[in-house]
């Protein structure tokens, strides 16, 4: 089974390398405005192919593959909304057009090479995330925000090999409790109660949430260290908030919607991954629908 996940970091370089990124994004911005001015009737396969040849003559300095990948953002797809403005430029590269190197000894020692240039990549937890087993980088995307260059990694995991590992533990996360597949339960009732009370009184929790999550992840990591599993399976919860939205017609009620949309799932998982990996326990993310099956199977073994 293959699943995909994204991780983000910062990309830097000397003046000539930054200028190269600046120029690419400048040409792509102008290309985007050109494509948008043509109208959606020209965003068909043949239409974009013609536009590609036109832009190659206008911007001969623009890398062919980068231009092709960016034009795909305008491709007409059934059910996809048409852009109301020119699409923001970004440098898109597939794994055949770049080389990425990791070094476990130094968290800042991550290097991306493309167009014969080598760029350092930074991210506090990025190294551990990209160094997970069965992790393959499929695409990267580079954008500029507030005078900084951000890089997004689209990675693919093959979780079919998880079953061949030694000890494997699953973790199910919901609003009432968090459960390990060995039937160890952790309640989030205290955090939920505090969040609801503060929300009613229009107050902020300040440091309570962070403190609660640190203690919770410490306890989970401590319990996992006793079991000594090789792999912990976590759910990919990026789209969970869509399940509690009135806009999508999936509202679960005002109170539960608030709890789901305000729970810091990303912070919780980042803290847990960091602590587990420091114990030598590998972490794999799966689609929540598959996680249920994984956990049931583990409990029956």
C-alpha atoms as a PDB file:
ATOM      1  CA  UNK A   1       0.000   0.000   0.000  1.00  0.00           C
ATOM      2  CA  UNK A   2       1.391   3.405  -1.001  1.00  0.00           C
ATOM      3  CA  UNK A   3       0.576   6.630   0.838  1.00  0.00           C
ATOM      4  CA  UNK A   4       1.829  10.186   0.376  1.00  0.00           C
ATOM      5  CA  UNK A   5       2.691  12.924   2.847  1.00  0.00           C
ATOM      6  CA  UNK A   6       4.227  16.407   2.630  1.00  0.00           C
ATOM      7  CA  UNK A   7       6.961  18.011   4.743  1.00  0.00           C
ATOM      8  CA  UNK A   8       8.252  21.588   4.552  1.00  0.00           C
ATOM      9  CA  UNK A   9      11.515  23.380   5.259  1.00  0.00           C
ATOM     10  CA  UNK A  10      13.667  26.317   4.201  1.00  0.00           C
ATOM     11  CA  UNK A  11      16.076  26.453   1.274  1.00  0.00           C
ATOM     12  CA  UNK A  12      19.007  28.881   1.113  1.00  0.00           C
ATOM     13  CA  UNK A  13      22.217  29.592  -0.799  1.00  0.00           C
ATOM     14  CA  UNK A  14      24.735  32.257  -1.777  1.00  0.00           C
ATOM     15  CA  UNK A  15      23.866  35.313  -3.906  1.00  0.00           C
ATOM     16  CA  UNK A  16      24.191  33.552  -7.262  1.00  0.00           C
ATOM     17  CA  UNK A  17      22.008  30.634  -6.147  1.00  0.00           C
ATOM     18  CA  UNK A  18      19.340  32.917  -4.678  1.00  0.00           C
ATOM     19  CA  UNK A  19      19.401  34.945  -7.893  1.00  0.00           C
ATOM     20  CA  UNK A  20      18.800  31.734  -9.839  1.00  0.00           C
ATOM     21  CA  UNK A  21      15.684  31.009  -7.751  1.00  0.00           C
ATOM     22  CA  UNK A  22      14.534  34.630  -8.066  1.00  0.00           C
ATOM     23  CA  UNK A  23      14.856  34.524 -11.867  1.00  0.00           C
ATOM     24  CA  UNK A  24      13.015  31.204 -12.164  1.00  0.00           C
ATOM     25  CA  UNK A  25      10.105  32.517 -10.116  1.00  0.00           C
ATOM     26  CA  UNK A  26      10.084  35.812 -12.036  1.00  0.00           C
ATOM     27  CA  UNK A  27       9.847  34.007 -15.390  1.00  0.00           C
ATOM     28  CA  UNK A  28       7.180  31.689 -14.015  1.00  0.00           C
ATOM     29  CA  UNK A  29       5.167  34.654 -12.721  1.00  0.00           C
ATOM     30  CA  UNK A  30       5.225  36.235 -16.168  1.00  0.00           C
ATOM     31  CA  UNK A  31       4.408  32.859 -17.743  1.00  0.00           C
ATOM     32  CA  UNK A  32       1.469  32.435 -15.375  1.00  0.00           C
ATOM     33  CA  UNK A  33       0.074  35.838 -16.330  1.00  0.00           C
ATOM     34  CA  UNK A  34       0.495  34.935 -20.005  1.00  0.00           C
ATOM     35  CA  UNK A  35      -1.357  31.614 -19.624  1.00  0.00           C
ATOM     36  CA  UNK A  36      -4.144  33.229 -17.589  1.00  0.00           C
ATOM     37  CA  UNK A  37      -4.643  35.917 -20.236  1.00  0.00           C
ATOM     38  CA  UNK A  38      -5.246  33.199 -22.836  1.00  0.00           C
ATOM     39  CA  UNK A  39      -8.369  32.052 -21.004  1.00  0.00           C
ATOM     40  CA  UNK A  40      -9.535  28.620 -19.862  1.00  0.00           C
ATOM     41  CA  UNK A  41     -10.488  27.576 -23.403  1.00  0.00           C
ATOM     42  CA  UNK A  42      -6.765  27.249 -24.142  1.00  0.00           C
ATOM     43  CA  UNK A  43      -5.959  25.150 -21.043  1.00  0.00           C
ATOM     44  CA  UNK A  44      -6.555  21.858 -22.790  1.00  0.00           C
ATOM     45  CA  UNK A  45      -3.725  19.402 -23.469  1.00  0.00           C
ATOM     46  CA  UNK A  46      -3.139  20.723 -26.988  1.00  0.00           C
ATOM     47  CA  UNK A  47      -3.676  24.312 -25.906  1.00  0.00           C
ATOM     48  CA  UNK A  48      -1.066  24.128 -23.136  1.00  0.00           C
ATOM     49  CA  UNK A  49       1.304  22.365 -25.509  1.00  0.00           C
ATOM     50  CA  UNK A  50       1.057  25.313 -27.885  1.00  0.00           C
ATOM     51  CA  UNK A  51       1.477  27.789 -25.032  1.00  0.00           C
ATOM     52  CA  UNK A  52       4.564  25.880 -23.866  1.00  0.00           C
ATOM     53  CA  UNK A  53       6.273  26.412 -27.256  1.00  0.00           C
ATOM     54  CA  UNK A  54       5.305  30.078 -27.223  1.00  0.00           C
ATOM     55  CA  UNK A  55       6.747  30.597 -23.752  1.00  0.00           C
ATOM     56  CA  UNK A  56       9.955  28.772 -24.635  1.00  0.00           C
ATOM     57  CA  UNK A  57      10.566  31.443 -27.277  1.00  0.00           C
ATOM     58  CA  UNK A  58       9.681  34.277 -24.899  1.00  0.00           C
ATOM     59  CA  UNK A  59      11.736  32.917 -21.967  1.00  0.00           C
ATOM     60  CA  UNK A  60      14.559  30.767 -23.409  1.00  0.00           C
ATOM     61  CA  UNK A  61      16.361  30.973 -20.043  1.00  0.00           C
ATOM     62  CA  UNK A  62      13.512  29.157 -18.279  1.00  0.00           C
ATOM     63  CA  UNK A  63      14.208  25.474 -17.705  1.00  0.00           C
ATOM     64  CA  UNK A  64      12.013  23.307 -19.949  1.00  0.00           C
ATOM     65  CA  UNK A  65      11.014  20.802 -17.244  1.00  0.00           C
ATOM     66  CA  UNK A  66      10.219  23.509 -14.708  1.00  0.00           C
ATOM     67  CA  UNK A  67       7.949  25.227 -17.234  1.00  0.00           C
ATOM     68  CA  UNK A  68       6.185  21.973 -18.163  1.00  0.00           C
ATOM     69  CA  UNK A  69       5.527  21.078 -14.521  1.00  0.00           C
ATOM     70  CA  UNK A  70       4.164  24.547 -13.771  1.00  0.00           C
ATOM     71  CA  UNK A  71       1.853  24.575 -16.811  1.00  0.00           C
ATOM     72  CA  UNK A  72       0.273  21.364 -15.490  1.00  0.00           C
ATOM     73  CA  UNK A  73      -1.264  23.501 -12.722  1.00  0.00           C
ATOM     74  CA  UNK A  74      -3.488  25.051 -15.393  1.00  0.00           C
ATOM     75  CA  UNK A  75      -4.533  21.714 -16.870  1.00  0.00           C
ATOM     76  CA  UNK A  76      -8.300  21.288 -16.989  1.00  0.00           C
ATOM     77  CA  UNK A  77      -9.452  18.501 -14.677  1.00  0.00           C
ATOM     78  CA  UNK A  78     -13.075  17.492 -14.101  1.00  0.00           C
ATOM     79  CA  UNK A  79     -14.311  18.890 -10.803  1.00  0.00           C
ATOM     80  CA  UNK A  80     -11.341  21.239 -10.419  1.00  0.00           C
ATOM     81  CA  UNK A  81     -12.196  24.916  -9.932  1.00  0.00           C
ATOM     82  CA  UNK A  82     -10.809  27.360 -12.472  1.00  0.00           C
ATOM     83  CA  UNK A  83      -8.389  29.944 -11.026  1.00  0.00           C
ATOM     84  CA  UNK A  84      -9.767  33.475 -10.716  1.00  0.00           C
ATOM     85  CA  UNK A  85      -6.275  34.974 -10.784  1.00  0.00           C
ATOM     86  CA  UNK A  86      -2.903  33.968 -12.270  1.00  0.00           C
ATOM     87  CA  UNK A  87      -1.581  30.983 -10.317  1.00  0.00           C
ATOM     88  CA  UNK A  88       1.224  31.855  -7.905  1.00  0.00           C
ATOM     89  CA  UNK A  89       4.589  30.749  -9.320  1.00  0.00           C
ATOM     90  CA  UNK A  90       6.433  27.802  -7.817  1.00  0.00           C
ATOM     91  CA  UNK A  91       9.370  25.669  -8.935  1.00  0.00           C
ATOM     92  CA  UNK A  92       8.167  22.082  -9.342  1.00  0.00           C
ATOM     93  CA  UNK A  93      10.692  19.264  -9.786  1.00  0.00           C
ATOM     94  CA  UNK A  94      10.188  15.512  -9.969  1.00  0.00           C
ATOM     95  CA  UNK A  95      12.708  13.045  -8.553  1.00  0.00           C
ATOM     96  CA  UNK A  96      14.379  12.603 -11.962  1.00  0.00           C
ATOM     97  CA  UNK A  97      15.482  16.233 -12.075  1.00  0.00           C
ATOM     98  CA  UNK A  98      17.018  16.725  -8.634  1.00  0.00           C
ATOM     99  CA  UNK A  99      19.323  14.983  -6.172  1.00  0.00           C
ATOM    100  CA  UNK A 100      18.775  15.163  -2.419  1.00  0.00           C
ATOM    101  CA  UNK A 101      21.339  14.091   0.186  1.00  0.00           C
ATOM    102  CA  UNK A 102      20.853  13.466   3.910  1.00  0.00           C
ATOM    103  CA  UNK A 103      23.419  13.231   6.673  1.00  0.00           C
ATOM    104  CA  UNK A 104      22.325  11.787  10.021  1.00  0.00           C
ATOM    105  CA  UNK A 105      25.190  13.460  11.866  1.00  0.00           C
ATOM    106  CA  UNK A 106      24.056  17.032  11.305  1.00  0.00           C
ATOM    107  CA  UNK A 107      20.438  18.194  11.101  1.00  0.00           C
ATOM    108  CA  UNK A 108      21.434  21.128   8.866  1.00  0.00           C
ATOM    109  CA  UNK A 109      23.357  18.913   6.483  1.00  0.00           C
ATOM    110  CA  UNK A 110      20.606  18.403   3.899  1.00  0.00           C
ATOM    111  CA  UNK A 111      21.451  19.318   0.336  1.00  0.00           C
ATOM    112  CA  UNK A 112      19.321  19.700  -2.765  1.00  0.00           C
ATOM    113  CA  UNK A 113      21.029  19.708  -6.154  1.00  0.00           C
ATOM    114  CA  UNK A 114      19.334  20.772  -9.365  1.00  0.00           C
ATOM    115  CA  UNK A 115      20.317  22.801 -12.430  1.00  0.00           C
ATOM    116  CA  UNK A 116      23.968  22.113 -11.505  1.00  0.00           C
ATOM    117  CA  UNK A 117      23.574  24.087  -8.267  1.00  0.00           C
ATOM    118  CA  UNK A 118      23.656  22.790  -4.684  1.00  0.00           C
ATOM    119  CA  UNK A 119      21.315  24.336  -2.086  1.00  0.00           C
ATOM    120  CA  UNK A 120      21.357  23.754   1.693  1.00  0.00           C
ATOM    121  CA  UNK A 121      17.979  22.830   3.202  1.00  0.00           C
ATOM    122  CA  UNK A 122      16.970  23.531   6.798  1.00  0.00           C
ATOM    123  CA  UNK A 123      14.221  22.233   9.092  1.00  0.00           C
ATOM    124  CA  UNK A 124      14.286  21.323  12.802  1.00  0.00           C
ATOM    125  CA  UNK A 125      12.592  17.939  12.391  1.00  0.00           C
ATOM    126  CA  UNK A 126      12.887  17.608   8.616  1.00  0.00           C
ATOM    127  CA  UNK A 127      15.883  15.282   8.671  1.00  0.00           C
ATOM    128  CA  UNK A 128      14.155  12.701  10.881  1.00  0.00           C
ATOM    129  CA  UNK A 129      10.983  12.872   8.796  1.00  0.00           C
ATOM    130  CA  UNK A 130      12.730  12.350   5.462  1.00  0.00           C
ATOM    131  CA  UNK A 131      14.969   9.640   6.908  1.00  0.00           C
ATOM    132  CA  UNK A 132      12.073   7.296   7.747  1.00  0.00           C
ATOM    133  CA  UNK A 133      12.033   3.754   6.341  1.00  0.00           C
ATOM    134  CA  UNK A 134      10.433   3.198   2.933  1.00  0.00           C
ATOM    135  CA  UNK A 135      10.359   6.967   2.355  1.00  0.00           C
ATOM    136  CA  UNK A 136      10.831   8.098  -1.245  1.00  0.00           C
ATOM    137  CA  UNK A 137      10.795  11.758  -2.301  1.00  0.00           C
ATOM    138  CA  UNK A 138       8.576  12.007  -5.399  1.00  0.00           C
ATOM    139  CA  UNK A 139       8.347  15.769  -5.944  1.00  0.00           C
ATOM    140  CA  UNK A 140       9.589  19.020  -4.491  1.00  0.00           C
ATOM    141  CA  UNK A 141       8.051  22.480  -4.742  1.00  0.00           C
ATOM    142  CA  UNK A 142       9.860  25.758  -4.016  1.00  0.00           C
ATOM    143  CA  UNK A 143       8.012  29.006  -3.289  1.00  0.00           C
ATOM    144  CA  UNK A 144       8.952  32.428  -1.949  1.00  0.00           C
ATOM    145  CA  UNK A 145       7.096  33.871   1.040  1.00  0.00           C
ATOM    146  CA  UNK A 146       8.100  37.027   2.914  1.00  0.00           C
ATOM    147  CA  UNK A 147      11.600  37.110   1.381  1.00  0.00           C
ATOM    148  CA  UNK A 148      12.291  33.481   2.321  1.00  0.00           C
ATOM    149  CA  UNK A 149      12.353  30.410   0.097  1.00  0.00           C
ATOM    150  CA  UNK A 150      10.311  27.464   1.329  1.00  0.00           C
ATOM    151  CA  UNK A 151      10.598  23.933   0.016  1.00  0.00           C
ATOM    152  CA  UNK A 152       7.853  21.317   0.215  1.00  0.00           C
ATOM    153  CA  UNK A 153       8.687  17.626  -0.112  1.00  0.00           C
ATOM    154  CA  UNK A 154       6.020  15.253  -1.406  1.00  0.00           C
ATOM    155  CA  UNK A 155       7.105  11.825  -0.162  1.00  0.00           C
ATOM    156  CA  UNK A 156       5.716   8.355  -0.695  1.00  0.00           C
ATOM    157  CA  UNK A 157       5.691   5.502   1.815  1.00  0.00           C
ATOM    158  CA  UNK A 158       5.255   1.825   1.064  1.00  0.00           C
ATOM    159  CA  UNK A 159       3.581   0.532   4.237  1.00  0.00           C
ATOM    160  CA  UNK A 160       3.175  -3.002   2.872  1.00  0.00           C
ATOM    161  CA  UNK A 161       6.582  -3.732   4.354  1.00  0.00           C
ATOM    162  CA  UNK A 162       5.464  -2.734   7.871  1.00  0.00           C
ATOM    163  CA  UNK A 163       3.985  -6.186   8.409  1.00  0.00           C
ATOM    164  CA  UNK A 164       7.385  -7.750   7.747  1.00  0.00           C
ATOM    165  CA  UNK A 165       8.963  -5.744  10.569  1.00  0.00           C
ATOM    166  CA  UNK A 166       9.352  -7.072  14.085  1.00  0.00           C
ATOM    167  CA  UNK A 167       7.139  -5.573  16.792  1.00  0.00           C
ATOM    168  CA  UNK A 168       4.579  -3.105  15.384  1.00  0.00           C
ATOM    169  CA  UNK A 169       2.227  -0.922  17.465  1.00  0.00           C
ATOM    170  CA  UNK A 170      -0.625   1.231  16.169  1.00  0.00           C
ATOM    171  CA  UNK A 171      -1.956   4.432  17.729  1.00  0.00           C
ATOM    172  CA  UNK A 172      -5.572   5.534  17.265  1.00  0.00           C
ATOM    173  CA  UNK A 173      -6.307   9.213  17.917  1.00  0.00           C
ATOM    174  CA  UNK A 174      -9.745  10.733  18.529  1.00  0.00           C
ATOM    175  CA  UNK A 175     -11.225  13.567  20.560  1.00  0.00           C
ATOM    176  CA  UNK A 176     -12.055  11.528  23.680  1.00  0.00           C
ATOM    177  CA  UNK A 177      -9.002   9.319  24.013  1.00  0.00           C
ATOM    178  CA  UNK A 178      -5.838   8.052  22.399  1.00  0.00           C
ATOM    179  CA  UNK A 179      -5.341   4.302  22.282  1.00  0.00           C
ATOM    180  CA  UNK A 180      -2.333   2.094  21.600  1.00  0.00           C
ATOM    181  CA  UNK A 181      -3.094  -1.197  19.872  1.00  0.00           C
ATOM    182  CA  UNK A 182      -1.949  -3.013  23.027  1.00  0.00           C
ATOM    183  CA  UNK A 183      -5.040  -1.522  24.751  1.00  0.00           C
ATOM    184  CA  UNK A 184      -3.235   1.251  26.629  1.00  0.00           C
ATOM    185  CA  UNK A 185      -5.604   4.246  26.909  1.00  0.00           C
ATOM    186  CA  UNK A 186      -4.805   7.962  27.319  1.00  0.00           C
ATOM    187  CA  UNK A 187      -7.609  10.416  28.076  1.00  0.00           C
ATOM    188  CA  UNK A 188      -7.800  13.902  26.545  1.00  0.00           C
ATOM    189  CA  UNK A 189     -10.850  14.802  28.658  1.00  0.00           C
ATOM    190  CA  UNK A 190      -8.908  17.290  30.815  1.00  0.00           C
ATOM    191  CA  UNK A 191      -7.625  19.198  27.774  1.00  0.00           C
ATOM    192  CA  UNK A 192     -11.032  19.198  26.059  1.00  0.00           C
ATOM    193  CA  UNK A 193     -12.790  20.447  29.201  1.00  0.00           C
ATOM    194  CA  UNK A 194     -10.279  23.266  29.660  1.00  0.00           C
ATOM    195  CA  UNK A 195     -10.557  24.273  25.987  1.00  0.00           C
ATOM    196  CA  UNK A 196     -14.364  24.415  26.097  1.00  0.00           C
ATOM    197  CA  UNK A 197     -14.392  26.480  29.317  1.00  0.00           C
ATOM    198  CA  UNK A 198     -11.865  28.959  27.980  1.00  0.00           C
ATOM    199  CA  UNK A 199     -13.745  29.200  24.695  1.00  0.00           C
ATOM    200  CA  UNK A 200     -16.986  30.062  26.522  1.00  0.00           C
ATOM    201  CA  UNK A 201     -15.206  32.780  28.508  1.00  0.00           C
ATOM    202  CA  UNK A 202     -13.275  33.984  25.440  1.00  0.00           C
ATOM    203  CA  UNK A 203      -9.924  33.306  27.071  1.00  0.00           C
ATOM    204  CA  UNK A 204      -6.727  31.763  25.737  1.00  0.00           C
ATOM    205  CA  UNK A 205      -5.135  28.612  27.142  1.00  0.00           C
ATOM    206  CA  UNK A 206      -1.642  30.063  26.782  1.00  0.00           C
ATOM    207  CA  UNK A 207       0.886  27.387  27.816  1.00  0.00           C
ATOM    208  CA  UNK A 208      -1.567  24.764  29.076  1.00  0.00           C
ATOM    209  CA  UNK A 209      -1.974  22.945  25.743  1.00  0.00           C
ATOM    210  CA  UNK A 210       1.756  22.659  25.122  1.00  0.00           C
ATOM    211  CA  UNK A 211       2.404  21.433  28.655  1.00  0.00           C
ATOM    212  CA  UNK A 212      -0.425  18.881  28.393  1.00  0.00           C
ATOM    213  CA  UNK A 213       0.879  17.515  25.071  1.00  0.00           C
ATOM    214  CA  UNK A 214       4.464  17.291  26.347  1.00  0.00           C
ATOM    215  CA  UNK A 215       3.333  15.224  29.331  1.00  0.00           C
ATOM    216  CA  UNK A 216       1.034  13.090  27.181  1.00  0.00           C
ATOM    217  CA  UNK A 217       3.697  12.303  24.575  1.00  0.00           C
ATOM    218  CA  UNK A 218       6.248  11.630  27.325  1.00  0.00           C
ATOM    219  CA  UNK A 219       3.928   9.009  28.809  1.00  0.00           C
ATOM    220  CA  UNK A 220       3.203   7.401  25.428  1.00  0.00           C
ATOM    221  CA  UNK A 221       6.916   7.288  24.624  1.00  0.00           C
ATOM    222  CA  UNK A 222       7.644   5.809  28.059  1.00  0.00           C
ATOM    223  CA  UNK A 223       5.037   3.078  27.562  1.00  0.00           C
ATOM    224  CA  UNK A 224       6.309   2.339  24.067  1.00  0.00           C
ATOM    225  CA  UNK A 225       9.855   2.010  25.372  1.00  0.00           C
ATOM    226  CA  UNK A 226       8.651  -0.782  27.670  1.00  0.00           C
ATOM    227  CA  UNK A 227       7.051  -2.657  24.754  1.00  0.00           C
ATOM    228  CA  UNK A 228      10.107  -1.958  22.568  1.00  0.00           C
ATOM    229  CA  UNK A 229       8.306  -2.038  19.186  1.00  0.00           C
ATOM    230  CA  UNK A 230      10.302  -1.475  16.000  1.00  0.00           C
ATOM    231  CA  UNK A 231       7.541   0.569  14.334  1.00  0.00           C
ATOM    232  CA  UNK A 232       4.675   2.768  15.521  1.00  0.00           C
ATOM    233  CA  UNK A 233       1.863   3.347  13.001  1.00  0.00           C
ATOM    234  CA  UNK A 234       0.263   6.809  13.201  1.00  0.00           C
ATOM    235  CA  UNK A 235      -2.758   8.148  11.339  1.00  0.00           C
ATOM    236  CA  UNK A 236      -2.309  10.909   8.770  1.00  0.00           C
ATOM    237  CA  UNK A 237      -4.725  13.469  10.227  1.00  0.00           C
ATOM    238  CA  UNK A 238      -4.216  16.353   7.792  1.00  0.00           C
ATOM    239  CA  UNK A 239      -7.764  16.152   6.439  1.00  0.00           C
ATOM    240  CA  UNK A 240      -9.505  15.442   9.747  1.00  0.00           C
ATOM    241  CA  UNK A 241     -10.849  18.985  10.066  1.00  0.00           C
ATOM    242  CA  UNK A 242     -12.799  18.540   6.838  1.00  0.00           C
ATOM    243  CA  UNK A 243     -14.921  15.981   8.702  1.00  0.00           C
ATOM    244  CA  UNK A 244     -16.194  18.708  11.053  1.00  0.00           C
ATOM    245  CA  UNK A 245     -17.123  21.508   8.708  1.00  0.00           C
ATOM    246  CA  UNK A 246     -20.497  23.067   7.940  1.00  0.00           C
ATOM    247  CA  UNK A 247     -19.168  24.111   4.536  1.00  0.00           C
ATOM    248  CA  UNK A 248     -18.692  20.491   3.510  1.00  0.00           C
ATOM    249  CA  UNK A 249     -22.007  19.430   5.073  1.00  0.00           C
ATOM    250  CA  UNK A 250     -20.240  17.285   7.677  1.00  0.00           C
ATOM    251  CA  UNK A 251     -20.893  19.309  10.817  1.00  0.00           C
ATOM    252  CA  UNK A 252     -20.804  17.303  14.058  1.00  0.00           C
ATOM    253  CA  UNK A 253     -22.329  20.014  16.191  1.00  0.00           C
ATOM    254  CA  UNK A 254     -20.899  23.310  17.412  1.00  0.00           C
ATOM    255  CA  UNK A 255     -19.025  21.908  20.419  1.00  0.00           C
ATOM    256  CA  UNK A 256     -17.434  18.912  18.688  1.00  0.00           C
ATOM    257  CA  UNK A 257     -16.610  20.991  15.607  1.00  0.00           C
ATOM    258  CA  UNK A 258     -14.719  23.398  17.868  1.00  0.00           C
ATOM    259  CA  UNK A 259     -12.792  20.622  19.630  1.00  0.00           C
ATOM    260  CA  UNK A 260     -11.768  18.929  16.368  1.00  0.00           C
ATOM    261  CA  UNK A 261     -10.797  22.156  14.622  1.00  0.00           C
ATOM    262  CA  UNK A 262      -8.825  23.483  17.595  1.00  0.00           C
ATOM    263  CA  UNK A 263      -6.991  20.308  18.627  1.00  0.00           C
ATOM    264  CA  UNK A 264      -3.262  20.669  17.755  1.00  0.00           C
ATOM    265  CA  UNK A 265      -2.881  17.325  15.959  1.00  0.00           C
ATOM    266  CA  UNK A 266       0.277  18.435  14.174  1.00  0.00           C
ATOM    267  CA  UNK A 267       1.973  19.515  17.420  1.00  0.00           C
ATOM    268  CA  UNK A 268       0.957  16.282  19.127  1.00  0.00           C
ATOM    269  CA  UNK A 269       2.333  14.069  16.347  1.00  0.00           C
ATOM    270  CA  UNK A 270       5.517  16.108  15.891  1.00  0.00           C
ATOM    271  CA  UNK A 271       6.333  15.853  19.608  1.00  0.00           C
ATOM    272  CA  UNK A 272       5.569  12.133  19.637  1.00  0.00           C
ATOM    273  CA  UNK A 273       7.605  11.378  16.492  1.00  0.00           C
ATOM    274  CA  UNK A 274      10.606  13.263  17.884  1.00  0.00           C
ATOM    275  CA  UNK A 275      10.497  11.399  21.212  1.00  0.00           C
ATOM    276  CA  UNK A 276       9.923   7.971  19.642  1.00  0.00           C
ATOM    277  CA  UNK A 277      12.715   8.341  17.129  1.00  0.00           C
ATOM    278  CA  UNK A 278      15.096   9.329  19.924  1.00  0.00           C
ATOM    279  CA  UNK A 279      14.251   5.882  21.369  1.00  0.00           C
ATOM    280  CA  UNK A 280      15.012   4.182  18.057  1.00  0.00           C
ATOM    281  CA  UNK A 281      11.349   3.518  17.241  1.00  0.00           C
ATOM    282  CA  UNK A 282      10.449   4.091  13.595  1.00  0.00           C
ATOM    283  CA  UNK A 283       7.230   5.920  12.715  1.00  0.00           C
ATOM    284  CA  UNK A 284       5.003   5.316   9.689  1.00  0.00           C
ATOM    285  CA  UNK A 285       1.930   7.393   8.748  1.00  0.00           C
ATOM    286  CA  UNK A 286      -1.117   5.771   7.165  1.00  0.00           C
ATOM    287  CA  UNK A 287      -4.512   6.898   5.949  1.00  0.00           C
ATOM    288  CA  UNK A 288      -6.934   6.875   8.948  1.00  0.00           C
ATOM    289  CA  UNK A 289      -9.241   4.412   7.172  1.00  0.00           C
ATOM    290  CA  UNK A 290      -6.357   1.960   6.816  1.00  0.00           C
ATOM    291  CA  UNK A 291      -5.152   2.607  10.366  1.00  0.00           C
ATOM    292  CA  UNK A 292      -8.309   1.050  11.765  1.00  0.00           C
ATOM    293  CA  UNK A 293      -7.567  -2.170   9.877  1.00  0.00           C
ATOM    294  CA  UNK A 294      -3.924  -2.097  10.949  1.00  0.00           C
ATOM    295  CA  UNK A 295      -4.837  -1.686  14.630  1.00  0.00           C
ATOM    296  CA  UNK A 296      -7.412  -4.485  14.550  1.00  0.00           C
ATOM    297  CA  UNK A 297      -4.944  -6.841  12.924  1.00  0.00           C
ATOM    298  CA  UNK A 298      -2.261  -5.993  15.479  1.00  0.00           C
ATOM    299  CA  UNK A 299      -4.605  -6.612  18.398  1.00  0.00           C
ATOM    300  CA  UNK A 300      -5.494 -10.033  17.037  1.00  0.00           C
ATOM    301  CA  UNK A 301      -1.896 -11.216  16.681  1.00  0.00           C
END
